C-alpha atoms as a PDB file:
ATOM      1  CA  MET A   1       0.000   0.000   0.000  1.00  0.00           C
ATOM      2  CA  GLU A   2       2.984   2.301   0.517  1.00  0.00           C
ATOM      3  CA  ILE A   3       3.456   2.721  -3.232  1.00  0.00           C
ATOM      4  CA  PHE A   4       0.022   4.295  -3.557  1.00  0.00           C
ATOM      5  CA  THR A   5       0.645   6.851  -0.810  1.00  0.00           C
ATOM      6  CA  LYS A   6       3.598   8.200  -2.780  1.00  0.00           C
ATOM      7  CA  ALA A   7       2.306   7.804  -6.349  1.00  0.00           C
ATOM      8  CA  LYS A   8      -0.146  10.283  -7.819  1.00  0.00           C
ATOM      9  CA  ALA A   9      -0.745   8.280 -10.983  1.00  0.00           C
ATOM     10  CA  VAL A  10      -0.132   4.718 -12.138  1.00  0.00           C
ATOM     11  CA  LYS A  11      -0.187   2.727 -15.351  1.00  0.00           C
ATOM     12  CA  LEU A  12      -1.796  -0.700 -15.147  1.00  0.00           C
ATOM     13  CA  ARG A  13       0.049  -3.337 -17.186  1.00  0.00           C
ATOM     14  CA  SER A  14      -1.179  -6.893 -17.724  1.00  0.00           C
ATOM     15  CA  HIS A  15       0.904 -10.050 -17.945  1.00  0.00           C
ATOM     16  CA  LEU A  16       0.517  -9.729 -21.751  1.00  0.00           C
ATOM     17  CA  GLU A  17       2.469  -6.420 -21.670  1.00  0.00           C
ATOM     18  CA  LYS A  18      -0.673  -4.406 -22.487  1.00  0.00           C
ATOM     19  CA  TYR A  19      -1.878  -1.335 -20.594  1.00  0.00           C
ATOM     20  CA  VAL A  20      -5.374  -0.492 -19.351  1.00  0.00           C
ATOM     21  CA  VAL A  21      -6.442   2.586 -21.346  1.00  0.00           C
ATOM     22  CA  ALA A  22      -9.463   4.888 -20.927  1.00  0.00           C
ATOM     23  CA  ASP A  23     -11.208   5.361 -24.286  1.00  0.00           C
ATOM     24  CA  ASP A  24     -12.254   8.796 -25.520  1.00  0.00           C
ATOM     25  CA  ASP A  25     -15.951   7.873 -25.337  1.00  0.00           C
ATOM     26  CA  GLN A  26     -15.492   8.281 -21.548  1.00  0.00           C
ATOM     27  CA  GLU A  27     -17.150   4.930 -20.877  1.00  0.00           C
ATOM     28  CA  THR A  28     -15.184   1.994 -22.241  1.00  0.00           C
ATOM     29  CA  VAL A  29     -11.788   0.724 -21.177  1.00  0.00           C
ATOM     30  CA  ARG A  30      -9.498  -1.289 -23.414  1.00  0.00           C
ATOM     31  CA  GLN A  31      -5.992  -2.733 -23.547  1.00  0.00           C
ATOM     32  CA  SER A  32      -3.222  -1.180 -25.608  1.00  0.00           C
ATOM     33  CA  ARG A  33       0.491  -1.730 -26.134  1.00  0.00           C
ATOM     34  CA  ASN A  34       0.952   2.060 -26.229  1.00  0.00           C
ATOM     35  CA  SER A  35       1.465   3.490 -22.744  1.00  0.00           C
ATOM     36  CA  SER A  36       2.760   6.908 -23.726  1.00  0.00           C
ATOM     37  CA  GLY A  37      -0.575   8.726 -23.875  1.00  0.00           C
ATOM     38  CA  LYS A  38      -2.484  10.381 -21.055  1.00  0.00           C
ATOM     39  CA  ARG A  39      -5.263   7.793 -21.410  1.00  0.00           C
ATOM     40  CA  ALA A  40      -2.981   5.101 -19.934  1.00  0.00           C
ATOM     41  CA  ARG A  41      -2.562   7.060 -16.659  1.00  0.00           C
ATOM     42  CA  TRP A  42      -4.879   6.403 -13.735  1.00  0.00           C
ATOM     43  CA  PHE A  43      -4.826   8.897 -10.872  1.00  0.00           C
ATOM     44  CA  VAL A  44      -4.759   7.312  -7.425  1.00  0.00           C
ATOM     45  CA  GLU A  45      -7.259   8.508  -4.824  1.00  0.00           C
ATOM     46  CA  LEU A  46      -6.833   7.171  -1.302  1.00  0.00           C
ATOM     47  CA  LEU A  47      -9.872   6.580   0.886  1.00  0.00           C
ATOM     48  CA  HIS A  48      -9.198   7.951   4.350  1.00  0.00           C
ATOM     49  CA  ASP A  49     -11.765   5.747   6.093  1.00  0.00           C
ATOM     50  CA  LYS A  50     -10.400   2.580   4.395  1.00  0.00           C
ATOM     51  CA  PRO A  51      -6.575   2.486   4.421  1.00  0.00           C
ATOM     52  CA  ASN A  52      -6.222  -0.546   2.103  1.00  0.00           C
ATOM     53  CA  VAL A  53      -8.608   0.722  -0.609  1.00  0.00           C
ATOM     54  CA  ILE A  54      -8.006   3.094  -3.540  1.00  0.00           C
ATOM     55  CA  ARG A  55     -10.010   4.541  -6.427  1.00  0.00           C
ATOM     56  CA  LEU A  56      -8.527   5.019  -9.899  1.00  0.00           C
ATOM     57  CA  ARG A  57      -9.612   8.115 -11.855  1.00  0.00           C
ATOM     58  CA  SER A  58      -9.072   8.413 -15.614  1.00  0.00           C
ATOM     59  CA  CYS A  59      -7.906  11.479 -17.518  1.00  0.00           C
ATOM     60  CA  HIS A  60     -11.599  12.117 -18.259  1.00  0.00           C
ATOM     61  CA  GLY A  61     -12.443  12.414 -14.553  1.00  0.00           C
ATOM     62  CA  LYS A  62     -14.341   9.125 -14.406  1.00  0.00           C
ATOM     63  CA  TYR A  63     -13.453   6.133 -12.250  1.00  0.00           C
ATOM     64  CA  LEU A  64     -12.414   2.599 -13.134  1.00  0.00           C
ATOM     65  CA  ALA A  65     -15.338   0.404 -12.078  1.00  0.00           C
ATOM     66  CA  ALA A  66     -15.937  -3.325 -11.946  1.00  0.00           C
ATOM     67  CA  THR A  67     -19.060  -4.781 -13.588  1.00  0.00           C
ATOM     68  CA  ASP A  68     -20.856  -8.109 -13.600  1.00  0.00           C
ATOM     69  CA  LEU A  69     -20.807  -8.229 -17.424  1.00  0.00           C
ATOM     70  CA  PRO A  70     -18.660 -10.942 -19.035  1.00  0.00           C
ATOM     71  CA  PHE A  71     -15.502  -9.722 -20.785  1.00  0.00           C
ATOM     72  CA  LEU A  72     -15.941 -11.784 -23.959  1.00  0.00           C
ATOM     73  CA  LEU A  73     -18.138 -14.740 -24.815  1.00  0.00           C
ATOM     74  CA  GLY A  74     -16.292 -17.883 -23.821  1.00  0.00           C
ATOM     75  CA  MET A  75     -13.598 -16.007 -21.880  1.00  0.00           C
ATOM     76  CA  THR A  76     -13.175 -15.726 -18.138  1.00  0.00           C
ATOM     77  CA  GLY A  77     -13.286 -12.388 -16.364  1.00  0.00           C
ATOM     78  CA  ASN A  78     -15.598  -9.398 -16.280  1.00  0.00           C
ATOM     79  CA  LYS A  79     -15.610  -5.989 -17.965  1.00  0.00           C
ATOM     80  CA  VAL A  80     -14.420  -2.795 -16.388  1.00  0.00           C
ATOM     81  CA  LEU A  81     -15.771   0.622 -17.356  1.00  0.00           C
ATOM     82  CA  GLN A  82     -15.276   4.305 -16.658  1.00  0.00           C
ATOM     83  CA  THR A  83     -18.102   5.717 -14.567  1.00  0.00           C
ATOM     84  CA  VAL A  84     -19.070   8.421 -12.097  1.00  0.00           C
ATOM     85  CA  PRO A  85     -19.623   7.670  -8.389  1.00  0.00           C
ATOM     86  CA  ASP A  86     -23.168   6.645  -7.457  1.00  0.00           C
ATOM     87  CA  LYS A  87     -24.934   4.592  -4.819  1.00  0.00           C
ATOM     88  CA  MET A  88     -22.842   1.545  -5.698  1.00  0.00           C
ATOM     89  CA  ASP A  89     -19.593   3.307  -4.850  1.00  0.00           C
ATOM     90  CA  TRP A  90     -18.043  -0.006  -3.758  1.00  0.00           C
ATOM     91  CA  LYS A  91     -17.634  -0.980  -7.427  1.00  0.00           C
ATOM     92  CA  LEU A  92     -15.135   1.876  -7.763  1.00  0.00           C
ATOM     93  CA  GLN A  93     -12.999   0.724  -4.868  1.00  0.00           C
ATOM     94  CA  TRP A  94      -9.962  -1.462  -5.434  1.00  0.00           C
ATOM     95  CA  SER A  95      -8.302  -3.234  -2.524  1.00  0.00           C
ATOM     96  CA  LEU A  96      -4.756  -4.445  -2.342  1.00  0.00           C
END
């Protein structure tokens, strides 16, 4: 957790050497080999009431959120999107 107290922004890289990138439609998230753009940066927001939880904000001001939607037909995993905080704020929280 110490890394997130010092870092203001992070880039999320998968085991396939691809980066999580916020699309310009301000809703979808995709993977890209290009990490040089601002869309690959996610700003870290610490939650003061939960020391082991962070939120990740895109360059568009929206947050990386988990969904219950399948990633691709026949594949494991679920989609992530960019969204604004709402009543289901827990979907925007990432624990380490």
